[in-house]
Amino acid sequence: MNNDQISLRMVVLLLVGALTVVVALHHPALGAAIAVGAVVIALLNELMGR
């Protein structure tokens, strides 16, 4: 795996995390979105690591 793939992976993970935080901030009733976002990030990290 080269540095370009690592950078792309990090960018995707950060964007998904940022999107989750924005949704949670704009819609406080969706506070569970942070937990869902963490699960999504963990799954993406696991899948992209293979």
Protein backbone atom coordinates (compact mmCIF):
# COMPACT_ATOMS: atom_id res chain seq x y z
CA MET A 1 0.00 0.00 0.00
CA ASN A 2 1.46 3.34 -0.97
CA ASN A 3 1.04 6.78 0.59
CA ASP A 4 -1.66 7.84 -1.90
CA GLN A 5 -3.94 5.03 -0.77
CA ILE A 6 -3.34 5.86 2.88
CA SER A 7 -4.15 9.53 2.23
CA LEU A 8 -7.35 8.68 0.34
CA ARG A 9 -8.39 6.35 3.14
CA MET A 10 -7.84 9.05 5.75
CA VAL A 11 -9.76 11.64 3.73
CA VAL A 12 -12.76 9.32 3.33
CA LEU A 13 -12.80 8.49 7.04
CA LEU A 14 -12.56 12.16 8.03
CA LEU A 15 -15.33 13.18 5.63
CA VAL A 16 -17.68 10.51 6.95
CA GLY A 17 -16.93 11.56 10.52
CA ALA A 18 -17.43 15.25 9.74
CA LEU A 19 -20.73 14.56 8.00
CA THR A 20 -21.92 12.63 11.05
CA VAL A 21 -21.03 15.48 13.38
CA VAL A 22 -22.80 18.05 11.17
CA VAL A 23 -25.98 15.96 11.12
CA ALA A 24 -25.86 15.51 14.89
CA LEU A 25 -25.34 19.24 15.48
CA HIS A 26 -28.12 20.38 13.14
CA HIS A 27 -30.60 17.77 14.37
CA PRO A 28 -30.14 17.27 18.12
CA ALA A 29 -32.88 14.64 18.11
CA LEU A 30 -30.53 12.51 16.05
CA GLY A 31 -27.91 12.30 18.79
CA ALA A 32 -27.58 8.61 18.02
CA ALA A 33 -26.04 9.66 14.70
CA ILE A 34 -22.68 10.01 16.42
CA ALA A 35 -22.81 6.38 17.52
CA VAL A 36 -23.93 5.28 14.06
CA GLY A 37 -21.17 7.38 12.51
CA ALA A 38 -18.58 5.75 14.72
CA VAL A 39 -19.80 2.31 13.64
CA VAL A 40 -19.73 3.35 9.97
CA ILE A 41 -16.21 4.72 10.32
CA ALA A 42 -15.07 1.55 12.06
CA LEU A 43 -16.59 -0.62 9.32
CA LEU A 44 -15.08 1.52 6.53
CA ASN A 45 -11.72 1.39 8.25
CA GLU A 46 -11.93 -2.38 8.53
CA LEU A 47 -13.10 -2.89 4.94
CA MET A 48 -10.54 -0.49 3.47
CA GLY A 49 -7.77 -2.17 5.44
CA ARG A 50 -8.23 -5.43 3.52
